Amino acid sequence: MLDSKIVKICKEQIFFLGTAVNQVVHVRPMKLFVDEKENVWLVSHKGTDKTKEIEVNNVVELCTVDDNTNVLRLQGKLLQRSDMSPEEMQQIRQQLFEGLPGIKDFFQTFMDPDMVVYQLDIDRVIFRSLNAALKEELHFKK
């Protein structure tokens, strides 16, 4: 279970997703979706460089800085949940389609076949306030 401060940041901030393929790092902005069970979800368009990179190496890091200069880093793997029932996945896709700002600019419906849905399997959470430069990072285990 994620700390409430971390969930709040996840829901409010734009993150930067870092992927790495062939020792080359790629970073791009992403908006996260956190469901009622505090699962973190991301959406991408099928066939983009990003989805191709995730297919090769699904180990990623997401990073943001909030308005209070708190830095949040989430490290883990992006998973396409093939173990979910079609009904469960449909429900998640519908929540994403209704809850992510701007998603309707990229996809026509929540069942758009070009929409790829990933769940972040978090291995490590790192939280640090930039206001407290001498303070150590706080590391959380899942």
Protein backbone atom coordinates (compact mmCIF):
# COMPACT_ATOMS: atom_id res chain seq x y z
CA MET A 1 0.00 0.00 0.00
CA LEU A 2 1.33 3.43 -0.97
CA ASP A 3 1.57 6.33 1.46
CA SER A 4 -1.31 8.82 1.02
CA LYS A 5 1.14 11.65 0.18
CA ILE A 6 2.61 9.52 -2.62
CA VAL A 7 -0.85 8.62 -3.99
CA LYS A 8 -1.77 12.32 -3.99
CA ILE A 9 1.37 13.21 -5.97
CA CYS A 10 0.70 10.35 -8.42
CA LYS A 11 -2.81 11.62 -9.06
CA GLU A 12 -1.87 15.28 -9.47
CA GLN A 13 1.49 15.46 -11.22
CA ILE A 14 2.88 14.77 -14.66
CA PHE A 15 5.67 12.22 -14.44
CA PHE A 16 8.61 11.57 -16.71
CA LEU A 17 8.92 7.96 -17.84
CA GLY A 18 12.44 6.66 -18.37
CA THR A 19 13.03 3.60 -20.52
CA ALA A 20 16.36 2.11 -21.58
CA VAL A 21 17.14 0.03 -24.64
CA ASN A 22 20.63 -0.80 -25.92
CA GLN A 23 22.16 1.45 -23.25
CA VAL A 24 20.21 4.47 -24.54
CA VAL A 25 17.84 6.19 -22.11
CA HIS A 26 14.58 7.71 -23.40
CA VAL A 27 12.45 10.05 -21.28
CA ARG A 28 8.99 11.39 -21.98
CA PRO A 29 6.11 12.94 -20.00
CA MET A 30 3.27 10.69 -18.84
CA LYS A 31 0.14 11.12 -16.78
CA LEU A 32 -0.53 8.29 -14.33
CA PHE A 33 -3.84 6.84 -13.20
CA VAL A 34 -4.23 5.46 -9.68
CA ASP A 35 -7.26 3.23 -9.12
CA GLU A 36 -9.17 2.69 -5.88
CA LYS A 37 -6.79 -0.14 -4.90
CA GLU A 38 -3.80 2.19 -5.42
CA ASN A 39 -2.63 0.34 -8.53
CA VAL A 40 -0.71 2.64 -10.87
CA TRP A 41 -1.66 2.50 -14.57
CA LEU A 42 -0.26 4.09 -17.73
CA VAL A 43 -1.58 4.24 -21.27
CA SER A 44 0.29 4.42 -24.54
CA HIS A 45 -0.49 4.23 -28.22
CA LYS A 46 0.29 0.93 -29.93
CA GLY A 47 3.21 1.10 -32.33
CA THR A 48 4.99 4.07 -30.76
CA ASP A 49 8.69 3.99 -29.99
CA LYS A 50 7.74 3.94 -26.31
CA THR A 51 5.69 0.73 -26.58
CA LYS A 52 8.44 -0.90 -28.65
CA GLU A 53 11.01 0.04 -26.00
CA ILE A 54 8.81 -1.38 -23.21
CA GLU A 55 8.44 -4.64 -25.15
CA VAL A 56 12.25 -4.95 -25.24
CA ASN A 57 12.83 -3.84 -21.63
CA ASN A 58 9.87 -3.22 -19.32
CA VAL A 59 12.03 -2.01 -16.39
CA VAL A 60 11.27 1.70 -16.02
CA GLU A 61 11.49 4.67 -13.72
CA LEU A 62 8.90 7.40 -13.33
CA CYS A 63 9.93 10.69 -11.74
CA THR A 64 8.22 13.96 -10.83
CA VAL A 65 8.70 17.09 -8.72
CA ASP A 66 5.58 18.51 -7.08
CA ASP A 67 4.76 22.14 -6.23
CA ASN A 68 6.41 21.70 -2.80
CA THR A 69 9.68 20.54 -4.43
CA ASN A 70 9.15 16.97 -3.30
CA VAL A 71 10.79 14.50 -5.68
CA LEU A 72 9.03 11.18 -6.20
CA ARG A 73 10.65 8.33 -8.12
CA LEU A 74 8.85 5.08 -8.84
CA GLN A 75 10.92 2.16 -10.10
CA GLY A 76 9.50 -1.09 -11.40
CA LYS A 77 8.19 -2.98 -14.39
CA LEU A 78 5.39 -2.06 -16.77
CA LEU A 79 3.11 -5.05 -17.26
CA GLN A 80 0.36 -5.76 -19.74
CA ARG A 81 -1.95 -7.72 -17.46
CA SER A 82 -2.82 -10.84 -19.44
CA ASP A 83 -3.89 -12.56 -16.21
CA MET A 84 -6.96 -10.33 -15.80
CA SER A 85 -10.37 -11.39 -17.03
CA PRO A 86 -11.73 -9.51 -20.04
CA GLU A 87 -14.33 -7.92 -17.75
CA GLU A 88 -11.69 -6.67 -15.30
CA MET A 89 -9.57 -5.23 -18.10
CA GLN A 90 -12.62 -3.58 -19.65
CA GLN A 91 -13.40 -1.96 -16.30
CA ILE A 92 -9.81 -0.67 -15.95
CA ARG A 93 -9.82 0.66 -19.51
CA GLN A 94 -13.10 2.46 -18.87
CA GLN A 95 -11.73 4.00 -15.64
CA LEU A 96 -8.64 5.17 -17.52
CA PHE A 97 -10.71 6.60 -20.34
CA GLU A 98 -12.88 8.54 -17.91
CA GLY A 99 -10.16 9.48 -15.41
CA LEU A 100 -7.11 10.50 -17.45
CA PRO A 101 -7.25 14.09 -18.73
CA GLY A 102 -6.62 14.35 -22.48
CA ILE A 103 -6.94 10.63 -23.22
CA LYS A 104 -9.93 11.26 -25.51
CA ASP A 105 -7.64 13.31 -27.75
CA PHE A 106 -5.71 10.11 -28.54
CA PHE A 107 -8.33 7.34 -28.41
CA GLN A 108 -11.92 7.26 -29.64
CA THR A 109 -13.27 4.77 -27.05
CA PHE A 110 -11.99 2.93 -24.01
CA MET A 111 -11.81 -0.24 -26.13
CA ASP A 112 -9.72 1.37 -28.87
CA PRO A 113 -7.44 -1.42 -30.16
CA ASP A 114 -4.55 1.06 -30.43
CA MET A 115 -4.65 1.76 -26.68
CA VAL A 116 -2.02 -0.20 -24.74
CA VAL A 117 -2.58 -0.39 -20.97
CA TYR A 118 0.25 -0.98 -18.52
CA GLN A 119 0.21 -1.56 -14.79
CA LEU A 120 3.30 -0.43 -12.91
CA ASP A 121 4.61 -3.23 -10.70
CA ILE A 122 6.48 -1.03 -8.23
CA ASP A 123 9.76 -2.39 -6.89
CA ARG A 124 10.95 0.78 -5.20
CA VAL A 125 9.59 4.18 -4.17
CA ILE A 126 12.05 6.99 -3.51
CA PHE A 127 10.81 10.25 -1.96
CA ARG A 128 12.90 13.32 -1.23
CA SER A 129 12.23 16.95 -0.44
CA LEU A 130 14.47 19.39 -2.29
CA ASN A 131 13.84 21.91 0.49
CA ALA A 132 15.81 19.71 2.86
CA ALA A 133 19.07 19.27 0.96
CA LEU A 134 20.79 17.58 3.91
CA LYS A 135 17.95 15.13 4.45
CA GLU A 136 18.45 11.66 3.07
CA GLU A 137 16.14 10.08 0.55
CA LEU A 138 13.36 7.96 1.96
CA HIS A 139 13.15 4.54 0.36
CA PHE A 140 10.01 2.43 0.59
CA LYS A 141 9.64 -1.25 -0.22
CA LYS A 142 6.47 -2.55 -1.81
